[in-house]
């Protein structure tokens, strides 16, 4: 999830690819008639009415880019009505418009220009007439609208919706998006005689044809990934040592003579294929950890289909995280493990860790380290917990919060009821929508106006390897965590075990990324308010994906890091950002050292026993792909 990068040809024009993805969503097979024949039973009449409603909702949702038009209309109405009865606010906005207009007048010669912070306008060509005026006028309009959407009395969620869609509209009308108003495009036309536009037109035609073929043939064969799984990526040597209906557990072969005695279990998000953490050998987190003397296990989630529609959160916690922990203990003999979770995988891990810690606190002091309580199977103790870009408090979930309210969830549930899952295409469209400035508009300028072919890389290839989510699990996840914030408020349960994050006493290593729209770092930082244990917090440069895939030697990588000991007072995220020491390079190195500090003396490395190996990594589940 992405700081998402696009695979070649995944957009089709200078419009949201989300529109085209939604345009191919299936509707119900047929709409029920509005009136029922005489003598129809009430049950049949009610079912027909429900089918008609769902058809209407689906058509409206398609027109509103997959969102609930009711939620959007309520948000705009809330904002417009509050602004209409606020003459003081209107007056202030009018005065600001006058000031911004005055600021557009030519400045005195020699006046210093502020550094340009918007990547779209950093080229010196934007400082020339008339492009300087176009850019300044556009930025003035953005500044005015930034204030205009702020009206007292508007519900927080409605204000978020209005602000988000206003920014989407402003990003769409940026002068950088049009050939006539982009000096870089005009310069390319002069230098190439217009061949850049001809090349861009060819690329556009190719993308449109490819998209049309996908829509016409729902069962069309999938195109090979630019980086083949098990050949170019996911190539760290290892074995599948456990498999159930939901996961494969991969254990990697040691490459050092000695290893730390506590294995590292990585729980990636089920929203993504696991190999984002095992990309090409040069930027594989798994390979790096193995090279530092860690015995590494990782979960590979199965890509669900319609038959899995009833898999819920309980299945992902028990058959996913808990079964993997038990399998690590069984195949390694370790009674303590380091556990690391990424994104939604980190949320799963935090829930399980809190449930285990709460149960352990209630057990007799002499209880065996492997415990059983209701849904919690025999599991090893956690030597440490690492959470990478993980939300545990969903009160401020960032841009994804735009899509979460009761009516939006009803719309989503109706869509998933027809298929049994949330498709990878829908999920990718959501993340593209959130990051439309870079993932859609900037990309389209490069591809269709400058005529530049994209050079695929392993992260782009991974990003096009979409995954699904089962209907029940996705609904429970959004309802209980995003909408009700049950985990942070102590209202989440695992079976008969109440979950309180305050029960966690294992040391925490928590990573947020500075440009994360999926899990904003200040929301990730809220775990300090929910736990009282030794916590090391890292704020890494980059976004949700590129900030995590941050191998040593990568240019322009940096991070801040500070520790809060158990019992130490709270430090606000703003104070943390102002005072935490800055380090150049990859935070992987600091994490590996931290894991070593919380591990026992190293022991001789042993190969994976042959009788435990089911097959070579990367296993079977990672190869499951779907066209949607």
Foldseek 3Di string as FASTA:
>chain_A
DDVAAADQLCAQALDQSLLLVLVLFDQPPDQADQDDDPPDDPVVNVVNVVSNVLRVQSVVCSVVSNFGVVLLVVLVVLLVVLVVPCVVLVVVLVVLLVVLVVVLPDDDPPDDDDQDPDPLQNPCVCVDPPNVSLQSVLVSVVVSVVSSLDGPPRDPLSSLLSNLVVVLVSLSPRLSLDLVNNVVLVVLCVVVVNVQQVLLVVSSVVSVVVSVVCSVDVPDDDDAFPQHPCHFWQVQWWFFQDDDPWKTKTKGWADDQWAFLAAEEEQEDLQFFPRLQTGGCQLHVVNVLSPLRHTYMYIGTFFDFQVCQPDALLCCLQVNPQVNQVSCCVQRVDQEHAYEYAEVSLLSVLQVLQLVLQVVVVDDPPDDQQDDDFSHHGGHHYLEYEYELYFLFQPPQFPVSNQADDSSLVSVLSSCVVIQKAWQSSVLSVVCSSVVSVRNSVVSCVCNSRSDGDDDDRSNSSSVQGGIGGSRHVSCCRVCCNHVVCRQVQNDANRPGTGASQSRANEYEYEDEPAERRRHVQSSVCVVVRYFYKYKYKYKYDYSSCRVSFGFPDPPIKIFIDIDHGPRDDDHPVRSVVDTDMGPTHCSVVVSVVVVVSTDDIDGGDTRDPVSGPGIPPDDSSPDGGSD
